PDB file of N, CA and C in Angstrom:
ATOM      1  N   UNK A   1       0.325  -1.423  -3.995  1.00  0.00           N
ATOM      2  CA  UNK A   1       0.025  -2.148  -3.238  1.00  0.00           C
ATOM      3  C   UNK A   1       0.555  -3.327  -2.544  1.00  0.00           C
ATOM      4  N   UNK A   2       1.222  -3.751  -3.684  1.00  0.00           N
ATOM      5  CA  UNK A   2       1.262  -5.656  -3.333  1.00  0.00           C
ATOM      6  C   UNK A   2       2.286  -5.773  -2.024  1.00  0.00           C
ATOM      7  N   UNK A   3       3.272  -4.448  -2.562  1.00  0.00           N
ATOM      8  CA  UNK A   3       4.820  -4.473  -1.423  1.00  0.00           C
ATOM      9  C   UNK A   3       4.018  -3.926   0.145  1.00  0.00           C
ATOM     10  N   UNK A   4       2.984  -3.480  -0.082  1.00  0.00           N
ATOM     11  CA  UNK A   4       2.468  -2.845   1.554  1.00  0.00           C
ATOM     12  C   UNK A   4       1.538  -4.233   1.973  1.00  0.00           C
ATOM     13  N   UNK A   5       1.084  -4.879   0.661  1.00  0.00           N
ATOM     14  CA  UNK A   5       1.107  -6.596   1.478  1.00  0.00           C
ATOM     15  C   UNK A   5       1.583  -7.291   1.953  1.00  0.00           C
ATOM     16  N   UNK A   6       2.537  -7.220   1.319  1.00  0.00           N
ATOM     17  CA  UNK A   6       3.620  -8.392   1.517  1.00  0.00           C
ATOM     18  C   UNK A   6       3.956  -7.618   2.625  1.00  0.00           C
ATOM     19  N   UNK A   7       4.481  -6.550   3.738  1.00  0.00           N
ATOM     20  CA  UNK A   7       4.547  -6.367   4.736  1.00  0.00           C
ATOM     21  C   UNK A   7       3.745  -6.461   5.634  1.00  0.00           C
ATOM     22  N   UNK A   8       2.354  -6.703   5.246  1.00  0.00           N
ATOM     23  CA  UNK A   8       1.577  -6.739   6.387  1.00  0.00           C
ATOM     24  C   UNK A   8       1.604  -7.932   7.225  1.00  0.00           C
ATOM     25  N   UNK A   9       1.794  -9.119   5.660  1.00  0.00           N
ATOM     26  CA  UNK A   9       1.762 -10.380   6.114  1.00  0.00           C
ATOM     27  C   UNK A   9       3.365 -10.624   7.330  1.00  0.00           C
ATOM     28  N   UNK A  10       4.310  -9.939   6.504  1.00  0.00           N
ATOM     29  CA  UNK A  10       5.125 -10.211   7.323  1.00  0.00           C
ATOM     30  C   UNK A  10       5.113  -9.504   8.849  1.00  0.00           C
ATOM     31  N   UNK A  11       4.320  -8.716   9.118  1.00  0.00           N
ATOM     32  CA  UNK A  11       4.328  -7.987  10.686  1.00  0.00           C
ATOM     33  C   UNK A  11       3.415  -9.121  11.244  1.00  0.00           C
ATOM     34  N   UNK A  12       2.470  -9.502  10.292  1.00  0.00           N
ATOM     35  CA  UNK A  12       1.348 -10.267  11.198  1.00  0.00           C
ATOM     36  C   UNK A  12       2.172 -11.855  11.516  1.00  0.00           C
ATOM     37  N   UNK A  13       3.104 -11.994  10.926  1.00  0.00           N
ATOM     38  CA  UNK A  13       3.739 -13.271  11.420  1.00  0.00           C
ATOM     39  C   UNK A  13       4.604 -12.693  12.532  1.00  0.00           C
ATOM     40  N   UNK A  14       5.194 -11.628  12.138  1.00  0.00           N
ATOM     41  CA  UNK A  14       6.491 -11.506  13.449  1.00  0.00           C
ATOM     42  C   UNK A  14       5.869 -11.026  14.194  1.00  0.00           C
ATOM     43  N   UNK A  15       4.332 -10.300  14.431  1.00  0.00           N
ATOM     44  CA  UNK A  15       3.192 -10.404  15.653  1.00  0.00           C
ATOM     45  C   UNK A  15       3.512 -11.260  16.488  1.00  0.00           C
ATOM     46  N   UNK A  16       3.454 -12.613  16.388  1.00  0.00           N
ATOM     47  CA  UNK A  16       2.823 -13.943  17.075  1.00  0.00           C
ATOM     48  C   UNK A  16       3.939 -14.580  17.445  1.00  0.00           C
ATOM     49  N   UNK A  17       5.296 -14.664  16.718  1.00  0.00           N
ATOM     50  CA  UNK A  17       6.658 -15.206  16.785  1.00  0.00           C
ATOM     51  C   UNK A  17       6.773 -14.820  18.680  1.00  0.00           C
ATOM     52  N   UNK A  18       7.227 -16.498  19.096  1.00  0.00           N
ATOM     53  CA  UNK A  18       7.137 -16.342  20.319  1.00  0.00           C
ATOM     54  C   UNK A  18       8.402 -16.917  20.442  1.00  0.00           C
ATOM     55  N   UNK A  19       9.487 -16.983  21.639  1.00  0.00           N
ATOM     56  CA  UNK A  19      10.661 -18.361  21.954  1.00  0.00           C
ATOM     57  C   UNK A  19      10.274 -19.840  21.965  1.00  0.00           C
ATOM     58  N   UNK A  20       8.947 -19.628  22.070  1.00  0.00           N
ATOM     59  CA  UNK A  20       8.405 -21.168  22.130  1.00  0.00           C
ATOM     60  C   UNK A  20       7.818 -21.455  20.691  1.00  0.00           C
ATOM     61  N   UNK A  21       8.338 -22.592  20.223  1.00  0.00           N
ATOM     62  CA  UNK A  21       7.523 -23.109  18.856  1.00  0.00           C
ATOM     63  C   UNK A  21       6.321 -23.688  18.664  1.00  0.00           C
ATOM     64  N   UNK A  22       6.070 -24.191  19.840  1.00  0.00           N
ATOM     65  CA  UNK A  22       4.833 -24.884  19.728  1.00  0.00           C
ATOM     66  C   UNK A  22       3.565 -23.399  20.140  1.00  0.00           C
ATOM     67  N   UNK A  23       3.898 -22.529  21.152  1.00  0.00           N
ATOM     68  CA  UNK A  23       3.341 -21.400  21.340  1.00  0.00           C
ATOM     69  C   UNK A  23       3.236 -20.731  19.815  1.00  0.00           C
ATOM     70  N   UNK A  24       3.900 -20.150  18.905  1.00  0.00           N
ATOM     71  CA  UNK A  24       3.963 -19.571  17.973  1.00  0.00           C
ATOM     72  C   UNK A  24       3.413 -20.386  16.607  1.00  0.00           C
ATOM     73  N   UNK A  25       3.483 -21.829  16.690  1.00  0.00           N
ATOM     74  CA  UNK A  25       2.380 -22.374  15.585  1.00  0.00           C
ATOM     75  C   UNK A  25       0.736 -22.262  16.092  1.00  0.00           C
ATOM     76  N   UNK A  26       0.558 -22.075  17.950  1.00  0.00           N
ATOM     77  CA  UNK A  26      -0.700 -21.526  17.743  1.00  0.00           C
ATOM     78  C   UNK A  26      -1.570 -20.758  17.540  1.00  0.00           C
ATOM     79  N   UNK A  27      -0.553 -19.578  17.681  1.00  0.00           N
ATOM     80  CA  UNK A  27      -0.839 -18.349  17.678  1.00  0.00           C
ATOM     81  C   UNK A  27      -0.856 -17.865  16.000  1.00  0.00           C
ATOM     82  N   UNK A  28       0.173 -18.920  15.802  1.00  0.00           N
ATOM     83  CA  UNK A  28       0.040 -18.612  14.082  1.00  0.00           C
ATOM     84  C   UNK A  28      -1.163 -19.056  13.457  1.00  0.00           C
ATOM     85  N   UNK A  29      -1.946 -19.814  13.703  1.00  0.00           N
ATOM     86  CA  UNK A  29      -3.359 -20.999  13.308  1.00  0.00           C
ATOM     87  C   UNK A  29      -3.914 -19.877  12.220  1.00  0.00           C
ATOM     88  N   UNK A  30      -4.751 -19.076  13.159  1.00  0.00           N
ATOM     89  CA  UNK A  30      -5.512 -17.999  12.129  1.00  0.00           C
ATOM     90  C   UNK A  30      -4.625 -17.277  10.872  1.00  0.00           C
ATOM     91  N   UNK A  31      -3.621 -16.828  11.646  1.00  0.00           N
ATOM     92  CA  UNK A  31      -2.789 -15.751  10.683  1.00  0.00           C
ATOM     93  C   UNK A  31      -2.214 -16.777   8.777  1.00  0.00           C
ATOM     94  N   UNK A  32      -1.865 -17.901   9.490  1.00  0.00           N
ATOM     95  CA  UNK A  32      -1.368 -18.578   8.296  1.00  0.00           C
ATOM     96  C   UNK A  32      -2.375 -19.208   7.232  1.00  0.00           C
ATOM     97  N   UNK A  33      -4.077 -19.555   8.153  1.00  0.00           N
ATOM     98  CA  UNK A  33      -4.921 -19.300   7.117  1.00  0.00           C
ATOM     99  C   UNK A  33      -5.353 -18.183   6.377  1.00  0.00           C
ATOM    100  N   UNK A  34      -4.865 -17.653   6.732  1.00  0.00           N
ATOM    101  CA  UNK A  34      -5.096 -15.712   4.997  1.00  0.00           C
ATOM    102  C   UNK A  34      -6.451 -15.391   5.004  1.00  0.00           C
ATOM    103  N   UNK A  35      -6.484 -14.890   4.242  1.00  0.00           N
ATOM    104  CA  UNK A  35      -7.803 -13.630   4.711  1.00  0.00           C
ATOM    105  C   UNK A  35      -7.696 -12.607   3.683  1.00  0.00           C
ATOM    106  N   UNK A  36      -8.524 -11.955   3.461  1.00  0.00           N
ATOM    107  CA  UNK A  36      -8.525 -10.720   2.576  1.00  0.00           C
ATOM    108  C   UNK A  36      -7.440  -9.732   3.351  1.00  0.00           C
ATOM    109  N   UNK A  37      -7.517  -9.188   4.789  1.00  0.00           N
ATOM    110  CA  UNK A  37      -7.179  -8.911   5.728  1.00  0.00           C
ATOM    111  C   UNK A  37      -7.370  -7.038   5.388  1.00  0.00           C
ATOM    112  N   UNK A  38      -8.109  -7.405   5.119  1.00  0.00           N
ATOM    113  CA  UNK A  38      -9.195  -6.167   4.966  1.00  0.00           C
ATOM    114  C   UNK A  38      -8.877  -4.651   5.705  1.00  0.00           C
ATOM    115  N   UNK A  39      -8.495  -4.672   7.089  1.00  0.00           N
ATOM    116  CA  UNK A  39      -8.114  -3.754   8.054  1.00  0.00           C
ATOM    117  C   UNK A  39      -7.452  -3.281   8.344  1.00  0.00           C
ATOM    118  N   UNK A  40      -6.135  -4.521   7.825  1.00  0.00           N
ATOM    119  CA  UNK A  40      -4.705  -2.986   7.667  1.00  0.00           C
ATOM    120  C   UNK A  40      -4.654  -2.654   5.787  1.00  0.00           C
ATOM    121  N   UNK A  41      -5.100  -3.671   5.293  1.00  0.00           N
ATOM    122  CA  UNK A  41      -5.373  -3.153   3.672  1.00  0.00           C
ATOM    123  C   UNK A  41      -5.773  -1.196   3.981  1.00  0.00           C
ATOM    124  N   UNK A  42      -7.320  -1.545   4.434  1.00  0.00           N
ATOM    125  CA  UNK A  42      -8.115   0.242   4.803  1.00  0.00           C
ATOM    126  C   UNK A  42      -6.699   0.627   5.629  1.00  0.00           C
ATOM    127  N   UNK A  43      -5.709   0.512   6.504  1.00  0.00           N
ATOM    128  CA  UNK A  43      -5.119   1.628   7.184  1.00  0.00           C
ATOM    129  C   UNK A  43      -4.402   1.821   6.230  1.00  0.00           C
ATOM    130  N   UNK A  44      -3.580   0.877   5.261  1.00  0.00           N
ATOM    131  CA  UNK A  44      -2.785   1.432   4.228  1.00  0.00           C
ATOM    132  C   UNK A  44      -2.964   2.137   3.494  1.00  0.00           C
ATOM    133  N   UNK A  45      -4.235   2.196   2.926  1.00  0.00           N
ATOM    134  CA  UNK A  45      -5.261   2.797   1.769  1.00  0.00           C
ATOM    135  C   UNK A  45      -5.474   4.324   2.452  1.00  0.00           C
ATOM    136  N   UNK A  46      -6.080   4.102   3.278  1.00  0.00           N
ATOM    137  CA  UNK A  46      -6.092   5.751   4.187  1.00  0.00           C
ATOM    138  C   UNK A  46      -4.647   6.443   4.215  1.00  0.00           C
ATOM    139  N   UNK A  47      -3.755   5.706   4.732  1.00  0.00           N
ATOM    140  CA  UNK A  47      -2.612   6.830   4.665  1.00  0.00           C
ATOM    141  C   UNK A  47      -1.989   6.897   3.889  1.00  0.00           C
ATOM    142  N   UNK A  48      -1.890   6.424   2.416  1.00  0.00           N
ATOM    143  CA  UNK A  48      -1.809   6.907   1.379  1.00  0.00           C
ATOM    144  C   UNK A  48      -2.580   7.718   0.342  1.00  0.00           C
ATOM    145  N   UNK A  49      -3.423   8.337   0.921  1.00  0.00           N
ATOM    146  CA  UNK A  49      -4.096   9.351   0.488  1.00  0.00           C
ATOM    147  C   UNK A  49      -3.513  10.515   0.014  1.00  0.00           C
ATOM    148  N   UNK A  50      -3.219  10.981  -1.175  1.00  0.00           N
ATOM    149  CA  UNK A  50      -2.549  12.558  -1.299  1.00  0.00           C
ATOM    150  C   UNK A  50      -0.978  12.160  -1.134  1.00  0.00           C
ATOM    151  N   UNK A  51      -0.327  10.975  -0.988  1.00  0.00           N
ATOM    152  CA  UNK A  51       1.086  11.024  -0.644  1.00  0.00           C
ATOM    153  C   UNK A  51       1.647   9.898  -1.819  1.00  0.00           C
ATOM    154  N   UNK A  52       3.050   9.780  -2.058  1.00  0.00           N
ATOM    155  CA  UNK A  52       3.369   9.178  -3.198  1.00  0.00           C
ATOM    156  C   UNK A  52       4.689   8.041  -2.669  1.00  0.00           C
ATOM    157  N   UNK A  53       4.992   8.367  -1.675  1.00  0.00           N
ATOM    158  CA  UNK A  53       5.612   7.496  -0.764  1.00  0.00           C
ATOM    159  C   UNK A  53       5.487   6.213  -0.219  1.00  0.00           C
ATOM    160  N   UNK A  54       6.016   4.918   0.100  1.00  0.00           N
ATOM    161  CA  UNK A  54       5.444   4.478   0.998  1.00  0.00           C
ATOM    162  C   UNK A  54       5.046   4.629   2.333  1.00  0.00           C
ATOM    163  N   UNK A  55       3.784   3.457   3.272  1.00  0.00           N
ATOM    164  CA  UNK A  55       3.548   3.906   4.205  1.00  0.00           C
ATOM    165  C   UNK A  55       4.582   3.954   4.744  1.00  0.00           C
ATOM    166  N   UNK A  56       4.644   4.161   6.552  1.00  0.00           N
ATOM    167  CA  UNK A  56       5.338   4.414   8.129  1.00  0.00           C
ATOM    168  C   UNK A  56       5.127   2.396   8.535  1.00  0.00           C
ATOM    169  N   UNK A  57       6.089   2.100   8.954  1.00  0.00           N
ATOM    170  CA  UNK A  57       5.832   1.089   9.745  1.00  0.00           C
ATOM    171  C   UNK A  57       5.099   1.052  11.195  1.00  0.00           C
ATOM    172  N   UNK A  58       4.552   2.379  11.223  1.00  0.00           N
ATOM    173  CA  UNK A  58       3.307   2.909  11.897  1.00  0.00           C
ATOM    174  C   UNK A  58       2.402   2.611  11.689  1.00  0.00           C
ATOM    175  N   UNK A  59       2.130   2.497  10.532  1.00  0.00           N
ATOM    176  CA  UNK A  59       0.861   2.325   9.456  1.00  0.00           C
ATOM    177  C   UNK A  59       0.094   1.070   9.728  1.00  0.00           C
ATOM    178  N   UNK A  60       1.699   0.242   9.086  1.00  0.00           N
ATOM    179  CA  UNK A  60       1.688  -0.825   9.384  1.00  0.00           C
ATOM    180  C   UNK A  60       0.832  -1.633  10.316  1.00  0.00           C
ATOM    181  N   UNK A  61       1.817  -1.286  11.742  1.00  0.00           N
ATOM    182  CA  UNK A  61       1.596  -1.591  12.913  1.00  0.00           C
ATOM    183  C   UNK A  61       0.314  -1.317  13.591  1.00  0.00           C
ATOM    184  N   UNK A  62      -0.544  -0.298  13.406  1.00  0.00           N
ATOM    185  CA  UNK A  62      -1.732  -0.408  13.537  1.00  0.00           C
ATOM    186  C   UNK A  62      -2.808  -0.809  12.798  1.00  0.00           C
ATOM    187  N   UNK A  63      -2.260  -1.009  11.524  1.00  0.00           N
ATOM    188  CA  UNK A  63      -3.652  -2.130  10.798  1.00  0.00           C
ATOM    189  C   UNK A  63      -3.378  -3.413  11.075  1.00  0.00           C
ATOM    190  N   UNK A  64      -1.771  -3.707  11.627  1.00  0.00           N
ATOM    191  CA  UNK A  64      -1.991  -5.419  11.719  1.00  0.00           C
ATOM    192  C   UNK A  64      -2.714  -5.650  13.385  1.00  0.00           C
ATOM    193  N   UNK A  65      -2.530  -4.340  14.290  1.00  0.00           N
ATOM    194  CA  UNK A  65      -3.746  -4.616  15.692  1.00  0.00           C
ATOM    195  C   UNK A  65      -4.409  -4.775  15.317  1.00  0.00           C
ATOM    196  N   UNK A  66      -5.195  -3.836  14.585  1.00  0.00           N
ATOM    197  CA  UNK A  66      -6.813  -4.304  14.322  1.00  0.00           C
ATOM    198  C   UNK A  66      -6.841  -5.555  13.432  1.00  0.00           C
ATOM    199  N   UNK A  67      -6.349  -5.806  12.921  1.00  0.00           N
ATOM    200  CA  UNK A  67      -6.369  -7.113  12.483  1.00  0.00           C
ATOM    201  C   UNK A  67      -5.916  -8.358  13.408  1.00  0.00           C
ATOM    202  N   UNK A  68      -5.685  -8.329  14.533  1.00  0.00           N
ATOM    203  CA  UNK A  68      -4.875  -8.987  15.335  1.00  0.00           C
ATOM    204  C   UNK A  68      -6.511  -9.343  16.446  1.00  0.00           C
ATOM    205  N   UNK A  69      -6.841  -7.872  17.017  1.00  0.00           N
ATOM    206  CA  UNK A  69      -8.129  -7.984  17.517  1.00  0.00           C
ATOM    207  C   UNK A  69      -9.110  -8.499  16.699  1.00  0.00           C
ATOM    208  N   UNK A  70      -9.224  -8.567  15.486  1.00  0.00           N
ATOM    209  CA  UNK A  70     -10.564  -9.172  14.455  1.00  0.00           C
ATOM    210  C   UNK A  70     -10.298 -10.924  14.738  1.00  0.00           C
ATOM    211  N   UNK A  71      -9.164 -10.944  14.722  1.00  0.00           N
ATOM    212  CA  UNK A  71      -8.963 -12.541  14.605  1.00  0.00           C
ATOM    213  C   UNK A  71      -8.993 -13.394  16.277  1.00  0.00           C
ATOM    214  N   UNK A  72      -8.656 -12.383  16.690  1.00  0.00           N
ATOM    215  CA  UNK A  72      -9.014 -12.570  18.587  1.00  0.00           C
ATOM    216  C   UNK A  72     -10.105 -12.886  19.027  1.00  0.00           C
ATOM    217  N   UNK A  73     -11.118 -11.753  18.335  1.00  0.00           N
ATOM    218  CA  UNK A  73     -12.438 -11.983  18.665  1.00  0.00           C
ATOM    219  C   UNK A  73     -13.454 -13.567  17.325  1.00  0.00           C
ATOM    220  N   UNK A  74     -13.389 -13.476  16.448  1.00  0.00           N
ATOM    221  CA  UNK A  74     -13.422 -14.538  16.015  1.00  0.00           C
ATOM    222  C   UNK A  74     -13.124 -15.902  16.129  1.00  0.00           C
ATOM    223  N   UNK A  75     -11.786 -16.047  17.176  1.00  0.00           N
ATOM    224  CA  UNK A  75     -11.498 -16.981  17.815  1.00  0.00           C
ATOM    225  C   UNK A  75     -12.402 -17.450  18.828  1.00  0.00           C
ATOM    226  N   UNK A  76     -12.295 -16.151  19.902  1.00  0.00           N
ATOM    227  CA  UNK A  76     -13.164 -16.450  21.141  1.00  0.00           C
ATOM    228  C   UNK A  76     -14.338 -16.836  21.098  1.00  0.00           C
ATOM    229  N   UNK A  77     -15.332 -16.355  19.754  1.00  0.00           N
ATOM    230  CA  UNK A  77     -16.781 -16.713  19.529  1.00  0.00           C
ATOM    231  C   UNK A  77     -16.753 -17.699  19.012  1.00  0.00           C
ATOM    232  N   UNK A  78     -15.884 -18.223  18.417  1.00  0.00           N
ATOM    233  CA  UNK A  78     -15.791 -19.829  17.986  1.00  0.00           C
ATOM    234  C   UNK A  78     -15.807 -20.544  19.263  1.00  0.00           C
ATOM    235  N   UNK A  79     -14.897 -20.803  19.740  1.00  0.00           N
ATOM    236  CA  UNK A  79     -14.761 -21.038  21.282  1.00  0.00           C
ATOM    237  C   UNK A  79     -15.385 -20.867  22.360  1.00  0.00           C
ATOM    238  N   UNK A  80     -16.067 -19.880  22.318  1.00  0.00           N
ATOM    239  CA  UNK A  80     -17.738 -19.817  23.003  1.00  0.00           C
ATOM    240  C   UNK A  80     -18.514 -20.662  22.818  1.00  0.00           C
ATOM    241  N   UNK A  81     -19.023 -19.995  21.107  1.00  0.00           N
ATOM    242  CA  UNK A  81     -19.610 -21.119  20.355  1.00  0.00           C
ATOM    243  C   UNK A  81     -19.925 -22.263  20.400  1.00  0.00           C
ATOM    244  N   UNK A  82     -18.780 -22.959  20.255  1.00  0.00           N
ATOM    245  CA  UNK A  82     -18.233 -24.314  20.138  1.00  0.00           C
ATOM    246  C   UNK A  82     -18.803 -25.141  18.540  1.00  0.00           C
ATOM    247  N   UNK A  83     -18.038 -23.692  18.098  1.00  0.00           N
ATOM    248  CA  UNK A  83     -18.703 -24.144  16.579  1.00  0.00           C
ATOM    249  C   UNK A  83     -17.637 -24.495  15.684  1.00  0.00           C
TER     250      UNK A  83
END
């Protein structure tokens, strides 16, 4: 599972990378803060049920998509609530 967690972290950082260094820094702010990454880990765990081989990149992409939506909603709520 540690290998998959590393794949998740790499994919998250890659997903917010842009040609503009400043935009990448802004987009990466919540990702580099860390977290449990519960959504992508659950996606990986569900995909591994009954299988011995590593999960596909599609599973990692699906998991990080959920995580990015979650992070976006947290950030939006904080901005809207001015907290």
